Every structure is written in structure tokens, then in C-alpha cells.
Amino acid sequence: MRAWDKIKKSYDPYRVYDSPEQFADDYIKTIAKVGRYKTAKGAKTPEMFFQFLKIQFMLPIKLCI
């Protein structure tokens, strides 16, 4: 699906899911690919998973120039 991006002022592709489960599967696969979120992969509960994500978002991001 393509939708208007107001910030970029262009039509950009967006994913469309048939169900919440399909979205969750894709989200988990995406998170697993990003090295920054590897600790979240080992979470035993949903609460732990989101706590790991919250911690990662609060860490400073290193920019390579």
C-alpha cells in the first residue's frame, strides 16, 4: 500500500497486514534482525520484552559520520 507522507511530501510504501498476529510475527522478525535489540529476544515474558526495548530506547545512539 502506498500512502501520503506529510513530512516527506511523497507517497511511500507501507505494509498492510491481514491480522494482528501477522503484524506481531513481522514485528518480532524485524526486532530480531536489529543488533541493538538482541537482549529483548531473550525475554521470558512480554513485560521483560518491553522493558528491554524501553532500556534500549533510552541508550544514546552512536552516529557514524
C-alpha atoms as a PDB file:
ATOM      1  CA  MET A   1       0.000   0.000   0.000  1.00  0.00           C
ATOM      2  CA  ARG A   2       1.212   3.486  -0.746  1.00  0.00           C
ATOM      3  CA  ALA A   3       0.191   6.407   1.418  1.00  0.00           C
ATOM      4  CA  TRP A   4       0.971  10.111   1.522  1.00  0.00           C
ATOM      5  CA  ASP A   5       3.813  11.001   3.879  1.00  0.00           C
ATOM      6  CA  LYS A   6       3.146  14.555   5.065  1.00  0.00           C
ATOM      7  CA  ILE A   7       6.699  15.094   6.302  1.00  0.00           C
ATOM      8  CA  LYS A   8       8.485  13.893   3.157  1.00  0.00           C
ATOM      9  CA  LYS A   9       5.653  15.113   0.924  1.00  0.00           C
ATOM     10  CA  SER A  10       5.708  11.929  -1.106  1.00  0.00           C
ATOM     11  CA  TYR A  11       3.868   8.657  -1.500  1.00  0.00           C
ATOM     12  CA  ASP A  12       5.670   5.925   0.407  1.00  0.00           C
ATOM     13  CA  PRO A  13       5.089   2.180   0.636  1.00  0.00           C
ATOM     14  CA  TYR A  14       3.589   0.831   3.842  1.00  0.00           C
ATOM     15  CA  ARG A  15       2.949  -2.746   4.866  1.00  0.00           C
ATOM     16  CA  VAL A  16      -0.617  -3.957   5.205  1.00  0.00           C
ATOM     17  CA  TYR A  17      -1.358  -6.904   7.474  1.00  0.00           C
ATOM     18  CA  ASP A  18      -4.313  -9.258   7.340  1.00  0.00           C
ATOM     19  CA  SER A  19      -4.360  -9.782  11.102  1.00  0.00           C
ATOM     20  CA  PRO A  20      -2.764  -8.583  14.359  1.00  0.00           C
ATOM     21  CA  GLU A  21      -0.932 -11.920  14.509  1.00  0.00           C
ATOM     22  CA  GLN A  22       0.659 -11.291  11.104  1.00  0.00           C
ATOM     23  CA  PHE A  23       1.813  -7.867  12.299  1.00  0.00           C
ATOM     24  CA  ALA A  24       3.243  -9.357  15.521  1.00  0.00           C
ATOM     25  CA  ASP A  25       5.181 -12.022  13.589  1.00  0.00           C
ATOM     26  CA  ASP A  26       6.674  -9.398  11.267  1.00  0.00           C
ATOM     27  CA  TYR A  27       7.496  -7.074  14.169  1.00  0.00           C
ATOM     28  CA  ILE A  28       9.308  -9.837  16.051  1.00  0.00           C
ATOM     29  CA  LYS A  29      11.321 -10.802  12.957  1.00  0.00           C
ATOM     30  CA  THR A  30      12.274  -7.166  12.396  1.00  0.00           C
ATOM     31  CA  ILE A  31      13.357  -6.650  16.009  1.00  0.00           C
ATOM     32  CA  ALA A  32      15.388  -9.879  15.902  1.00  0.00           C
ATOM     33  CA  LYS A  33      17.376  -8.589  12.913  1.00  0.00           C
ATOM     34  CA  VAL A  34      18.456  -5.375  14.633  1.00  0.00           C
ATOM     35  CA  GLY A  35      21.524  -5.980  16.798  1.00  0.00           C
ATOM     36  CA  ARG A  36      20.532  -3.236  19.201  1.00  0.00           C
ATOM     37  CA  TYR A  37      17.516  -5.272  20.362  1.00  0.00           C
ATOM     38  CA  LYS A  38      19.152  -8.680  20.811  1.00  0.00           C
ATOM     39  CA  THR A  39      18.655  -8.563  24.581  1.00  0.00           C
ATOM     40  CA  ALA A  40      14.889  -8.324  24.071  1.00  0.00           C
ATOM     41  CA  LYS A  41      14.988 -11.609  22.159  1.00  0.00           C
ATOM     42  CA  GLY A  42      15.858 -13.478  25.353  1.00  0.00           C
ATOM     43  CA  ALA A  43      12.909 -12.122  27.358  1.00  0.00           C
ATOM     44  CA  LYS A  44      10.828 -14.739  29.154  1.00  0.00           C
ATOM     45  CA  THR A  45       7.667 -12.615  29.469  1.00  0.00           C
ATOM     46  CA  PRO A  46       6.042  -9.821  27.462  1.00  0.00           C
ATOM     47  CA  GLU A  47       6.800  -7.450  30.341  1.00  0.00           C
ATOM     48  CA  MET A  48      10.513  -8.301  30.171  1.00  0.00           C
ATOM     49  CA  PHE A  49      10.491  -7.893  26.389  1.00  0.00           C
ATOM     50  CA  PHE A  50       9.094  -4.379  26.574  1.00  0.00           C
ATOM     51  CA  GLN A  51      11.371  -3.466  29.488  1.00  0.00           C
ATOM     52  CA  PHE A  52      14.395  -4.458  27.362  1.00  0.00           C
ATOM     53  CA  LEU A  53      13.075  -2.336  24.478  1.00  0.00           C
ATOM     54  CA  LYS A  54      12.495   0.614  26.796  1.00  0.00           C
ATOM     55  CA  ILE A  55      16.064   0.383  28.097  1.00  0.00           C
ATOM     56  CA  GLN A  56      17.446   0.256  24.551  1.00  0.00           C
ATOM     57  CA  PHE A  57      15.487   3.345  23.512  1.00  0.00           C
ATOM     58  CA  MET A  58      16.971   5.280  26.428  1.00  0.00           C
ATOM     59  CA  LEU A  59      20.590   4.446  25.500  1.00  0.00           C
ATOM     60  CA  PRO A  60      22.429   7.036  23.423  1.00  0.00           C
ATOM     61  CA  ILE A  61      22.707   6.245  19.729  1.00  0.00           C
ATOM     62  CA  LYS A  62      26.191   6.305  18.187  1.00  0.00           C
ATOM     63  CA  LEU A  63      26.231   8.118  14.878  1.00  0.00           C
ATOM     64  CA  CYS A  64      28.856   7.309  12.276  1.00  0.00           C
ATOM     65  CA  ILE A  65      29.850  10.263  10.154  1.00  0.00           C
END
